[in-house]
PDB file of all heavy atoms in Angstrom:
ATOM      1  N   CYS A   1       0.826  -1.214   0.000  1.00  0.00           N
ATOM      2  CA  CYS A   1       0.000   0.000   0.000  1.00  0.00           C
ATOM      3  C   CYS A   1       0.857   1.259   0.000  1.00  0.00           C
ATOM      4  O   CYS A   1       0.438   2.307  -0.501  1.00  0.00           O
ATOM      5  CB  CYS A   1      -0.930   0.004   1.213  1.00  0.00           C
ATOM      6  SG  CYS A   1      -2.511  -0.802   0.920  1.00  0.00           S
ATOM      7  N   LEU A   2       2.054   1.170   0.564  1.00  0.00           N
ATOM      8  CA  LEU A   2       2.933   2.334   0.661  1.00  0.00           C
ATOM      9  C   LEU A   2       3.571   2.680  -0.679  1.00  0.00           C
ATOM     10  O   LEU A   2       3.972   3.831  -0.890  1.00  0.00           O
ATOM     11  CB  LEU A   2       4.028   2.080   1.697  1.00  0.00           C
ATOM     12  CG  LEU A   2       3.564   1.864   3.142  1.00  0.00           C
ATOM     13  CD1 LEU A   2       4.740   1.484   4.022  1.00  0.00           C
ATOM     14  CD2 LEU A   2       2.864   3.101   3.681  1.00  0.00           C
ATOM     15  N   ILE A   3       3.687   1.699  -1.582  1.00  0.00           N
ATOM     16  CA  ILE A   3       4.370   1.945  -2.855  1.00  0.00           C
ATOM     17  C   ILE A   3       3.417   1.918  -4.045  1.00  0.00           C
ATOM     18  O   ILE A   3       3.830   2.195  -5.171  1.00  0.00           O
ATOM     19  CB  ILE A   3       5.515   0.930  -3.067  1.00  0.00           C
ATOM     20  CG1 ILE A   3       4.995  -0.506  -2.996  1.00  0.00           C
ATOM     21  CG2 ILE A   3       6.605   1.138  -2.050  1.00  0.00           C
ATOM     22  CD1 ILE A   3       6.074  -1.554  -3.164  1.00  0.00           C
ATOM     23  N   GLU A   4       2.151   1.603  -3.808  1.00  0.00           N
ATOM     24  CA  GLU A   4       1.156   1.647  -4.869  1.00  0.00           C
ATOM     25  C   GLU A   4       0.558   3.046  -4.957  1.00  0.00           C
ATOM     26  O   GLU A   4       0.785   3.891  -4.093  1.00  0.00           O
ATOM     27  CB  GLU A   4       0.038   0.629  -4.600  1.00  0.00           C
ATOM     28  CG  GLU A   4       0.479  -0.812  -4.738  1.00  0.00           C
ATOM     29  CD  GLU A   4      -0.580  -1.791  -4.282  1.00  0.00           C
ATOM     30  OE1 GLU A   4      -1.459  -1.370  -3.496  1.00  0.00           O
ATOM     31  OE2 GLU A   4      -0.518  -2.955  -4.681  1.00  0.00           O
ATOM     32  N   HIS A   5      -0.241   3.265  -6.016  1.00  0.00           N
ATOM     33  CA  HIS A   5      -0.967   4.521  -6.131  1.00  0.00           C
ATOM     34  C   HIS A   5      -1.885   4.689  -4.928  1.00  0.00           C
ATOM     35  O   HIS A   5      -2.562   3.761  -4.517  1.00  0.00           O
ATOM     36  CB  HIS A   5      -1.803   4.548  -7.418  1.00  0.00           C
ATOM     37  CG  HIS A   5      -0.974   4.662  -8.650  1.00  0.00           C
ATOM     38  ND1 HIS A   5      -0.267   5.800  -8.972  1.00  0.00           N
ATOM     39  CD2 HIS A   5      -0.727   3.786  -9.650  1.00  0.00           C
ATOM     40  CE1 HIS A   5       0.371   5.614 -10.118  1.00  0.00           C
ATOM     41  NE2 HIS A   5       0.116   4.394 -10.538  1.00  0.00           N
ATOM     42  N   LYS A   6      -1.879   5.862  -4.355  1.00  0.00           N
ATOM     43  CA  LYS A   6      -2.663   6.128  -3.152  1.00  0.00           C
ATOM     44  C   LYS A   6      -4.141   6.290  -3.500  1.00  0.00           C
ATOM     45  O   LYS A   6      -4.508   7.086  -4.361  1.00  0.00           O
ATOM     46  CB  LYS A   6      -2.162   7.397  -2.442  1.00  0.00           C
ATOM     47  CG  LYS A   6      -0.719   7.305  -1.980  1.00  0.00           C
ATOM     48  CD  LYS A   6      -0.519   6.177  -0.978  1.00  0.00           C
ATOM     49  CE  LYS A   6       0.900   6.150  -0.436  1.00  0.00           C
ATOM     50  NZ  LYS A   6       1.904   5.799  -1.453  1.00  0.00           N
ATOM     51  N   ARG A   7      -4.977   5.520  -2.817  1.00  0.00           N
ATOM     52  CA  ARG A   7      -6.412   5.637  -2.990  1.00  0.00           C
ATOM     53  C   ARG A   7      -6.994   6.562  -1.925  1.00  0.00           C
ATOM     54  O   ARG A   7      -6.340   6.886  -0.942  1.00  0.00           O
ATOM     55  CB  ARG A   7      -7.073   4.248  -2.898  1.00  0.00           C
ATOM     56  CG  ARG A   7      -6.621   3.308  -3.988  1.00  0.00           C
ATOM     57  CD  ARG A   7      -7.449   2.061  -4.036  1.00  0.00           C
ATOM     58  NE  ARG A   7      -7.443   1.311  -2.786  1.00  0.00           N
ATOM     59  CZ  ARG A   7      -7.866   0.041  -2.695  1.00  0.00           C
ATOM     60  NH1 ARG A   7      -8.297  -0.570  -3.768  1.00  0.00           N
ATOM     61  NH2 ARG A   7      -7.842  -0.576  -1.550  1.00  0.00           N
ATOM     62  N   LYS A   8      -8.231   6.976  -2.155  1.00  0.00           N
ATOM     63  CA  LYS A   8      -8.877   7.892  -1.223  1.00  0.00           C
ATOM     64  C   LYS A   8      -9.045   7.257   0.159  1.00  0.00           C
ATOM     65  O   LYS A   8      -9.110   7.971   1.161  1.00  0.00           O
ATOM     66  CB  LYS A   8     -10.237   8.323  -1.773  1.00  0.00           C
ATOM     67  CG  LYS A   8     -10.134   9.161  -3.045  1.00  0.00           C
ATOM     68  CD  LYS A   8     -11.503   9.500  -3.596  1.00  0.00           C
ATOM     69  CE  LYS A   8     -11.389  10.317  -4.878  1.00  0.00           C
ATOM     70  NZ  LYS A   8     -12.710  10.615  -5.466  1.00  0.00           N
ATOM     71  N   ASP A   9      -9.131   5.929   0.200  1.00  0.00           N
ATOM     72  CA  ASP A   9      -9.288   5.255   1.484  1.00  0.00           C
ATOM     73  C   ASP A   9      -7.976   4.596   1.911  1.00  0.00           C
ATOM     74  O   ASP A   9      -7.981   3.529   2.521  1.00  0.00           O
ATOM     75  CB  ASP A   9     -10.416   4.221   1.415  1.00  0.00           C
ATOM     76  CG  ASP A   9     -10.106   3.092   0.442  1.00  0.00           C
ATOM     77  OD1 ASP A   9      -9.207   3.261  -0.415  1.00  0.00           O
ATOM     78  OD2 ASP A   9     -10.743   2.029   0.543  1.00  0.00           O
ATOM     79  N   PHE A  10      -6.861   5.260   1.616  1.00  0.00           N
ATOM     80  CA  PHE A  10      -5.540   4.699   1.930  1.00  0.00           C
ATOM     81  C   PHE A  10      -5.424   4.344   3.405  1.00  0.00           C
ATOM     82  O   PHE A  10      -5.003   3.240   3.769  1.00  0.00           O
ATOM     83  CB  PHE A  10      -4.447   5.692   1.544  1.00  0.00           C
ATOM     84  CG  PHE A  10      -3.077   5.332   2.073  1.00  0.00           C
ATOM     85  CD1 PHE A  10      -2.321   4.351   1.455  1.00  0.00           C
ATOM     86  CD2 PHE A  10      -2.560   5.970   3.192  1.00  0.00           C
ATOM     87  CE1 PHE A  10      -1.069   4.009   1.943  1.00  0.00           C
ATOM     88  CE2 PHE A  10      -1.306   5.635   3.694  1.00  0.00           C
ATOM     89  CZ  PHE A  10      -0.559   4.654   3.062  1.00  0.00           C
ATOM     90  N   TRP A  11      -5.793   5.279   4.286  1.00  0.00           N
ATOM     91  CA  TRP A  11      -5.633   5.035   5.716  1.00  0.00           C
ATOM     92  C   TRP A  11      -6.581   3.960   6.206  1.00  0.00           C
ATOM     93  O   TRP A  11      -6.232   3.167   7.093  1.00  0.00           O
ATOM     94  CB  TRP A  11      -5.830   6.333   6.503  1.00  0.00           C
ATOM     95  CG  TRP A  11      -4.725   7.307   6.269  1.00  0.00           C
ATOM     96  CD1 TRP A  11      -4.780   8.484   5.584  1.00  0.00           C
ATOM     97  CD2 TRP A  11      -3.357   7.171   6.707  1.00  0.00           C
ATOM     98  NE1 TRP A  11      -3.547   9.095   5.558  1.00  0.00           N
ATOM     99  CE2 TRP A  11      -2.648   8.308   6.247  1.00  0.00           C
ATOM    100  CE3 TRP A  11      -2.672   6.206   7.442  1.00  0.00           C
ATOM    101  CZ2 TRP A  11      -1.305   8.503   6.501  1.00  0.00           C
ATOM    102  CZ3 TRP A  11      -1.326   6.387   7.691  1.00  0.00           C
ATOM    103  CH2 TRP A  11      -0.655   7.528   7.229  1.00  0.00           C
ATOM    104  N   GLU A  12      -7.781   3.906   5.632  1.00  0.00           N
ATOM    105  CA  GLU A  12      -8.714   2.852   6.007  1.00  0.00           C
ATOM    106  C   GLU A  12      -8.186   1.483   5.582  1.00  0.00           C
ATOM    107  O   GLU A  12      -8.305   0.495   6.322  1.00  0.00           O
ATOM    108  CB  GLU A  12     -10.091   3.102   5.375  1.00  0.00           C
ATOM    109  CG  GLU A  12     -10.842   4.277   5.966  1.00  0.00           C
ATOM    110  CD  GLU A  12     -10.422   5.614   5.346  1.00  0.00           C
ATOM    111  OE1 GLU A  12      -9.481   5.628   4.530  1.00  0.00           O
ATOM    112  OE2 GLU A  12     -11.051   6.632   5.695  1.00  0.00           O
ATOM    113  N   MET A  13      -7.574   1.441   4.372  1.00  0.00           N
ATOM    114  CA  MET A  13      -7.004   0.180   3.905  1.00  0.00           C
ATOM    115  C   MET A  13      -5.838  -0.253   4.789  1.00  0.00           C
ATOM    116  O   MET A  13      -5.700  -1.440   5.129  1.00  0.00           O
ATOM    117  CB  MET A  13      -6.542   0.322   2.463  1.00  0.00           C
ATOM    118  CG  MET A  13      -7.651   0.314   1.439  1.00  0.00           C
ATOM    119  SD  MET A  13      -8.599  -1.226   1.437  1.00  0.00           S
ATOM    120  CE  MET A  13      -7.328  -2.394   0.980  1.00  0.00           C
ATOM    121  N   GLN A  14      -4.994   0.690   5.183  1.00  0.00           N
ATOM    122  CA  GLN A  14      -3.875   0.352   6.057  1.00  0.00           C
ATOM    123  C   GLN A  14      -4.388  -0.136   7.414  1.00  0.00           C
ATOM    124  O   GLN A  14      -3.868  -1.095   7.977  1.00  0.00           O
ATOM    125  CB  GLN A  14      -2.955   1.564   6.250  1.00  0.00           C
ATOM    126  CG  GLN A  14      -2.034   1.838   5.067  1.00  0.00           C
ATOM    127  CD  GLN A  14      -0.985   0.747   4.879  1.00  0.00           C
ATOM    128  OE1 GLN A  14      -1.287  -0.415   4.646  1.00  0.00           O
ATOM    129  NE2 GLN A  14       0.274   1.128   4.966  1.00  0.00           N
ATOM    130  N   MET A  15      -5.415   0.532   7.929  1.00  0.00           N
ATOM    131  CA  MET A  15      -6.007   0.091   9.192  1.00  0.00           C
ATOM    132  C   MET A  15      -6.554  -1.326   9.046  1.00  0.00           C
ATOM    133  O   MET A  15      -6.376  -2.174   9.930  1.00  0.00           O
ATOM    134  CB  MET A  15      -7.129   1.041   9.622  1.00  0.00           C
ATOM    135  CG  MET A  15      -7.783   0.648  10.944  1.00  0.00           C
ATOM    136  SD  MET A  15      -9.221   1.676  11.356  1.00  0.00           S
ATOM    137  CE  MET A  15      -8.420   3.277  11.536  1.00  0.00           C
ATOM    138  N   HIS A  16      -7.207  -1.576   7.914  1.00  0.00           N
ATOM    139  CA  HIS A  16      -7.772  -2.906   7.664  1.00  0.00           C
ATOM    140  C   HIS A  16      -6.671  -3.961   7.644  1.00  0.00           C
ATOM    141  O   HIS A  16      -6.803  -5.032   8.261  1.00  0.00           O
ATOM    142  CB  HIS A  16      -8.526  -2.899   6.333  1.00  0.00           C
ATOM    143  CG  HIS A  16      -9.064  -4.238   5.936  1.00  0.00           C
ATOM    144  ND1 HIS A  16      -8.395  -5.086   5.087  1.00  0.00           N
ATOM    145  CD2 HIS A  16     -10.196  -4.878   6.295  1.00  0.00           C
ATOM    146  CE1 HIS A  16      -9.100  -6.195   4.933  1.00  0.00           C
ATOM    147  NE2 HIS A  16     -10.196  -6.094   5.650  1.00  0.00           N
ATOM    148  N   HIS A  17      -5.554  -3.679   6.949  1.00  0.00           N
ATOM    149  CA  HIS A  17      -4.450  -4.634   6.884  1.00  0.00           C
ATOM    150  C   HIS A  17      -3.850  -4.882   8.259  1.00  0.00           C
ATOM    151  O   HIS A  17      -3.591  -6.029   8.647  1.00  0.00           O
ATOM    152  CB  HIS A  17      -3.364  -4.122   5.934  1.00  0.00           C
ATOM    153  CG  HIS A  17      -3.783  -4.101   4.489  1.00  0.00           C
ATOM    154  ND1 HIS A  17      -4.861  -4.806   4.031  1.00  0.00           N
ATOM    155  CD2 HIS A  17      -3.246  -3.473   3.406  1.00  0.00           C
ATOM    156  CE1 HIS A  17      -4.990  -4.613   2.725  1.00  0.00           C
ATOM    157  NE2 HIS A  17      -4.023  -3.816   2.324  1.00  0.00           N
ATOM    158  N   ILE A  18      -3.604  -3.811   8.998  1.00  0.00           N
ATOM    159  CA  ILE A  18      -2.980  -3.935  10.323  1.00  0.00           C
ATOM    160  C   ILE A  18      -3.900  -4.678  11.288  1.00  0.00           C
ATOM    161  O   ILE A  18      -3.456  -5.568  12.030  1.00  0.00           O
ATOM    162  CB  ILE A  18      -2.619  -2.540  10.868  1.00  0.00           C
ATOM    163  CG1 ILE A  18      -1.509  -1.913  10.012  1.00  0.00           C
ATOM    164  CG2 ILE A  18      -2.161  -2.639  12.322  1.00  0.00           C
ATOM    165  CD1 ILE A  18      -1.233  -0.452  10.331  1.00  0.00           C
ATOM    166  N   VAL A  19      -5.187  -4.326  11.278  1.00  0.00           N
ATOM    167  CA  VAL A  19      -6.149  -4.996  12.156  1.00  0.00           C
ATOM    168  C   VAL A  19      -6.257  -6.471  11.790  1.00  0.00           C
ATOM    169  O   VAL A  19      -6.317  -7.348  12.673  1.00  0.00           O
ATOM    170  CB  VAL A  19      -7.525  -4.311  12.073  1.00  0.00           C
ATOM    171  CG1 VAL A  19      -8.594  -5.157  12.760  1.00  0.00           C
ATOM    172  CG2 VAL A  19      -7.471  -2.936  12.712  1.00  0.00           C
ATOM    173  N   THR A  20      -6.263  -6.782  10.493  1.00  0.00           N
ATOM    174  CA  THR A  20      -6.376  -8.172  10.055  1.00  0.00           C
ATOM    175  C   THR A  20      -5.185  -8.996  10.514  1.00  0.00           C
ATOM    176  O   THR A  20      -5.347 -10.097  11.053  1.00  0.00           O
ATOM    177  CB  THR A  20      -6.501  -8.242   8.524  1.00  0.00           C
ATOM    178  OG1 THR A  20      -7.669  -7.529   8.099  1.00  0.00           O
ATOM    179  CG2 THR A  20      -6.611  -9.690   8.060  1.00  0.00           C
ATOM    180  N   VAL A  21      -3.975  -8.469  10.297  1.00  0.00           N
ATOM    181  CA  VAL A  21      -2.778  -9.192  10.733  1.00  0.00           C
ATOM    182  C   VAL A  21      -2.775  -9.360  12.252  1.00  0.00           C
ATOM    183  O   VAL A  21      -2.441 -10.440  12.771  1.00  0.00           O
ATOM    184  CB  VAL A  21      -1.500  -8.462  10.269  1.00  0.00           C
ATOM    185  CG1 VAL A  21      -0.254  -9.123  10.862  1.00  0.00           C
ATOM    186  CG2 VAL A  21      -1.409  -8.456   8.746  1.00  0.00           C
ATOM    187  N   SER A  22      -3.156  -8.317  12.973  1.00  0.00           N
ATOM    188  CA  SER A  22      -3.209  -8.389  14.436  1.00  0.00           C
ATOM    189  C   SER A  22      -4.235  -9.418  14.899  1.00  0.00           C
ATOM    190  O   SER A  22      -3.979 -10.215  15.813  1.00  0.00           O
ATOM    191  CB  SER A  22      -3.551  -7.017  15.024  1.00  0.00           C
ATOM    192  OG  SER A  22      -2.599  -6.043  14.651  1.00  0.00           O
ATOM    193  N   LEU A  23      -5.408  -9.412  14.268  1.00  0.00           N
ATOM    194  CA  LEU A  23      -6.460 -10.348  14.638  1.00  0.00           C
ATOM    195  C   LEU A  23      -6.027 -11.790  14.373  1.00  0.00           C
ATOM    196  O   LEU A  23      -6.276 -12.684  15.196  1.00  0.00           O
ATOM    197  CB  LEU A  23      -7.738 -10.035  13.867  1.00  0.00           C
ATOM    198  CG  LEU A  23      -8.957 -10.917  14.150  1.00  0.00           C
ATOM    199  CD1 LEU A  23      -9.332 -10.853  15.624  1.00  0.00           C
ATOM    200  CD2 LEU A  23     -10.138 -10.495  13.280  1.00  0.00           C
ATOM    201  N   ILE A  24      -5.364 -12.018  13.238  1.00  0.00           N
ATOM    202  CA  ILE A  24      -4.892 -13.369  12.925  1.00  0.00           C
ATOM    203  C   ILE A  24      -3.867 -13.830  13.962  1.00  0.00           C
ATOM    204  O   ILE A  24      -3.929 -14.957  14.464  1.00  0.00           O
ATOM    205  CB  ILE A  24      -4.280 -13.406  11.508  1.00  0.00           C
ATOM    206  CG1 ILE A  24      -5.371 -13.187  10.459  1.00  0.00           C
ATOM    207  CG2 ILE A  24      -3.587 -14.749  11.259  1.00  0.00           C
ATOM    208  CD1 ILE A  24      -4.829 -13.002   9.053  1.00  0.00           C
TER     209      ILE A  24
END
């Protein structure tokens, strides 16, 4: 996500990734 084109929901996507990894 840090090196791809930034989407409008960049921070939401990062939160989703971090929460998912943490939950797993």
